[in-house]
Amino acid sequence: MFGLGTPEIIGILVLLLLLFGAKRLPELARGLGQGIREFRKSVKEISQDATDSESGSDRRSGPSTKSPG
């Protein structure tokens, strides 16, 4: 995981605890989790829309339904 071992991760967590405090850290983690969840939801919707539009364009490439007049 990016060359980070257990001691480095513990050091980063201690540094975060010192910078933000014990009360603020859970709020930051919650906000980060919500942001990641929203990002994944958006990516899923975009990929689904792209798949739907690709399959929709296949249907449109068939015979035209326009009237000749």
N, C-alpha and C. Protein backbone atom coordinates (compact mmCIF):
# COMPACT_ATOMS: atom_id res chain seq x y z
N MET A 1 0.85 -1.19 0.00
CA MET A 1 0.00 0.00 0.00
C MET A 1 0.88 1.24 0.00
N PHE A 2 1.40 1.63 -1.16
CA PHE A 2 2.21 2.81 -1.35
C PHE A 2 3.50 2.78 -0.53
N GLY A 3 3.97 1.61 -0.17
CA GLY A 3 5.22 1.49 0.57
C GLY A 3 5.09 1.92 2.03
N LEU A 4 3.90 1.99 2.55
CA LEU A 4 3.70 2.37 3.95
C LEU A 4 3.55 1.11 4.80
N GLY A 5 4.37 1.03 5.82
CA GLY A 5 4.26 -0.09 6.74
C GLY A 5 3.45 0.30 7.96
N THR A 6 3.36 -0.61 8.89
CA THR A 6 2.60 -0.38 10.12
C THR A 6 3.16 0.81 10.91
N PRO A 7 4.48 0.91 11.11
CA PRO A 7 4.98 2.06 11.89
C PRO A 7 4.65 3.41 11.25
N GLU A 8 4.70 3.49 9.92
CA GLU A 8 4.38 4.76 9.25
C GLU A 8 2.91 5.12 9.41
N ILE A 9 2.04 4.13 9.29
CA ILE A 9 0.61 4.38 9.44
C ILE A 9 0.30 4.82 10.86
N ILE A 10 0.91 4.17 11.85
CA ILE A 10 0.70 4.57 13.25
C ILE A 10 1.20 5.99 13.47
N GLY A 11 2.34 6.32 12.89
CA GLY A 11 2.88 7.68 13.02
C GLY A 11 1.95 8.72 12.42
N ILE A 12 1.38 8.41 11.26
CA ILE A 12 0.44 9.34 10.63
C ILE A 12 -0.80 9.52 11.49
N LEU A 13 -1.31 8.41 12.05
CA LEU A 13 -2.49 8.50 12.92
C LEU A 13 -2.22 9.33 14.17
N VAL A 14 -1.04 9.15 14.76
CA VAL A 14 -0.68 9.95 15.94
C VAL A 14 -0.58 11.42 15.57
N LEU A 15 0.04 11.71 14.43
CA LEU A 15 0.16 13.09 13.98
C LEU A 15 -1.22 13.72 13.76
N LEU A 16 -2.13 12.98 13.13
CA LEU A 16 -3.49 13.48 12.93
C LEU A 16 -4.19 13.72 14.26
N LEU A 17 -3.98 12.81 15.21
CA LEU A 17 -4.59 12.97 16.53
C LEU A 17 -4.07 14.23 17.21
N LEU A 18 -2.78 14.50 17.08
CA LEU A 18 -2.20 15.70 17.69
C LEU A 18 -2.68 16.97 16.99
N LEU A 19 -2.81 16.92 15.68
CA LEU A 19 -3.22 18.11 14.94
C LEU A 19 -4.69 18.47 15.14
N PHE A 20 -5.56 17.47 15.09
CA PHE A 20 -6.98 17.74 15.10
C PHE A 20 -7.66 17.46 16.43
N GLY A 21 -7.07 16.67 17.28
CA GLY A 21 -7.67 16.36 18.57
C GLY A 21 -8.63 15.19 18.48
N ALA A 22 -8.92 14.62 19.64
CA ALA A 22 -9.75 13.42 19.71
C ALA A 22 -11.21 13.69 19.36
N LYS A 23 -11.69 14.91 19.60
CA LYS A 23 -13.09 15.21 19.31
C LYS A 23 -13.32 15.46 17.82
N ARG A 24 -12.35 16.06 17.17
CA ARG A 24 -12.51 16.45 15.77
C ARG A 24 -12.23 15.29 14.80
N LEU A 25 -11.39 14.36 15.19
CA LEU A 25 -10.98 13.27 14.31
C LEU A 25 -12.14 12.39 13.83
N PRO A 26 -13.08 11.98 14.69
CA PRO A 26 -14.22 11.20 14.18
C PRO A 26 -15.09 11.96 13.18
N GLU A 27 -15.22 13.27 13.39
CA GLU A 27 -15.99 14.08 12.44
C GLU A 27 -15.31 14.11 11.08
N LEU A 28 -13.98 14.23 11.08
CA LEU A 28 -13.25 14.24 9.83
C LEU A 28 -13.38 12.90 9.11
N ALA A 29 -13.27 11.82 9.86
CA ALA A 29 -13.38 10.48 9.26
C ALA A 29 -14.78 10.27 8.69
N ARG A 30 -15.79 10.73 9.39
CA ARG A 30 -17.17 10.60 8.92
C ARG A 30 -17.36 11.38 7.62
N GLY A 31 -16.85 12.60 7.59
CA GLY A 31 -16.96 13.41 6.38
C GLY A 31 -16.21 12.79 5.21
N LEU A 32 -15.04 12.23 5.48
CA LEU A 32 -14.27 11.56 4.44
C LEU A 32 -15.03 10.35 3.90
N GLY A 33 -15.62 9.58 4.79
CA GLY A 33 -16.41 8.42 4.38
C GLY A 33 -17.60 8.81 3.52
N GLN A 34 -18.28 9.87 3.90
CA GLN A 34 -19.43 10.33 3.12
C GLN A 34 -18.99 10.83 1.74
N GLY A 35 -17.85 11.50 1.70
CA GLY A 35 -17.33 11.98 0.42
C GLY A 35 -16.97 10.84 -0.51
N ILE A 36 -16.33 9.81 0.03
CA ILE A 36 -15.97 8.64 -0.77
C ILE A 36 -17.23 7.93 -1.25
N ARG A 37 -18.21 7.80 -0.39
CA ARG A 37 -19.46 7.14 -0.76
C ARG A 37 -20.16 7.90 -1.89
N GLU A 38 -20.20 9.22 -1.79
CA GLU A 38 -20.83 10.05 -2.82
C GLU A 38 -20.07 9.95 -4.14
N PHE A 39 -18.74 9.91 -4.06
CA PHE A 39 -17.93 9.78 -5.26
C PHE A 39 -18.20 8.45 -5.96
N ARG A 40 -18.23 7.37 -5.20
CA ARG A 40 -18.51 6.06 -5.79
C ARG A 40 -19.90 6.01 -6.42
N LYS A 41 -20.88 6.64 -5.76
CA LYS A 41 -22.24 6.68 -6.28
C LYS A 41 -22.26 7.43 -7.62
N SER A 42 -21.55 8.54 -7.69
CA SER A 42 -21.51 9.33 -8.92
C SER A 42 -20.83 8.56 -10.05
N VAL A 43 -19.72 7.89 -9.73
CA VAL A 43 -19.02 7.11 -10.75
C VAL A 43 -19.91 6.00 -11.26
N LYS A 44 -20.63 5.35 -10.36
CA LYS A 44 -21.53 4.27 -10.76
C LYS A 44 -22.64 4.79 -11.67
N GLU A 45 -23.23 5.95 -11.32
CA GLU A 45 -24.29 6.53 -12.13
C GLU A 45 -23.77 6.93 -13.51
N ILE A 46 -22.58 7.50 -13.56
CA ILE A 46 -22.01 7.94 -14.84
C ILE A 46 -21.73 6.73 -15.73
N SER A 47 -21.15 5.68 -15.16
CA SER A 47 -20.86 4.50 -15.96
C SER A 47 -22.15 3.82 -16.42
N GLN A 48 -23.18 3.85 -15.59
CA GLN A 48 -24.46 3.27 -15.97
C GLN A 48 -25.10 4.10 -17.09
N ASP A 49 -25.01 5.43 -16.99
CA ASP A 49 -25.54 6.29 -18.04
C ASP A 49 -24.80 6.06 -19.36
N ALA A 50 -23.48 5.89 -19.28
CA ALA A 50 -22.70 5.64 -20.49
C ALA A 50 -23.10 4.31 -21.12
N THR A 51 -23.32 3.30 -20.29
CA THR A 51 -23.74 1.99 -20.80
C THR A 51 -25.12 2.08 -21.42
N ASP A 52 -26.02 2.82 -20.77
CA ASP A 52 -27.38 2.99 -21.30
C ASP A 52 -27.36 3.74 -22.64
N SER A 53 -26.51 4.77 -22.74
CA SER A 53 -26.47 5.53 -23.98
C SER A 53 -25.85 4.72 -25.11
N GLU A 54 -24.89 3.86 -24.79
CA GLU A 54 -24.30 3.00 -25.82
C GLU A 54 -25.34 2.01 -26.33
N SER A 55 -26.10 1.42 -25.45
CA SER A 55 -27.11 0.46 -25.89
C SER A 55 -28.25 1.18 -26.59
N GLY A 56 -28.52 2.41 -26.21
CA GLY A 56 -29.56 3.19 -26.86
C GLY A 56 -29.16 3.61 -28.26
N SER A 57 -27.88 3.88 -28.49
CA SER A 57 -27.43 4.27 -29.81
C SER A 57 -27.48 3.09 -30.77
N ASP A 58 -27.34 1.87 -30.26
CA ASP A 58 -27.46 0.68 -31.10
C ASP A 58 -28.88 0.55 -31.63
N ARG A 59 -29.84 0.86 -30.80
CA ARG A 59 -31.23 0.78 -31.21
C ARG A 59 -31.56 1.87 -32.23
N ARG A 60 -30.94 3.03 -32.09
CA ARG A 60 -31.22 4.13 -32.99
C ARG A 60 -30.58 3.93 -34.36
N SER A 61 -29.58 3.08 -34.47
CA SER A 61 -28.89 2.91 -35.74
C SER A 61 -29.66 2.00 -36.69
N GLY A 62 -30.81 1.50 -36.29
CA GLY A 62 -31.62 0.65 -37.13
C GLY A 62 -32.36 1.46 -38.17
N PRO A 63 -33.39 0.89 -38.76
CA PRO A 63 -34.15 1.60 -39.79
C PRO A 63 -34.80 2.86 -39.23
N SER A 64 -34.85 3.88 -40.03
CA SER A 64 -35.40 5.16 -39.61
C SER A 64 -36.92 5.08 -39.54
N THR A 65 -37.50 5.76 -38.57
CA THR A 65 -38.95 5.76 -38.42
C THR A 65 -39.55 7.07 -38.93
N LYS A 66 -38.72 7.89 -39.61
CA LYS A 66 -39.21 9.16 -40.12
C LYS A 66 -40.12 8.91 -41.32
N SER A 67 -41.09 9.76 -41.43
CA SER A 67 -41.99 9.66 -42.61
C SER A 67 -41.30 10.32 -43.79
N PRO A 68 -41.51 9.82 -45.01
CA PRO A 68 -40.81 10.37 -46.18
C PRO A 68 -41.26 11.77 -46.55
N GLY A 69 -42.28 12.29 -45.95
CA GLY A 69 -42.85 13.53 -46.41
C GLY A 69 -42.40 14.71 -45.72
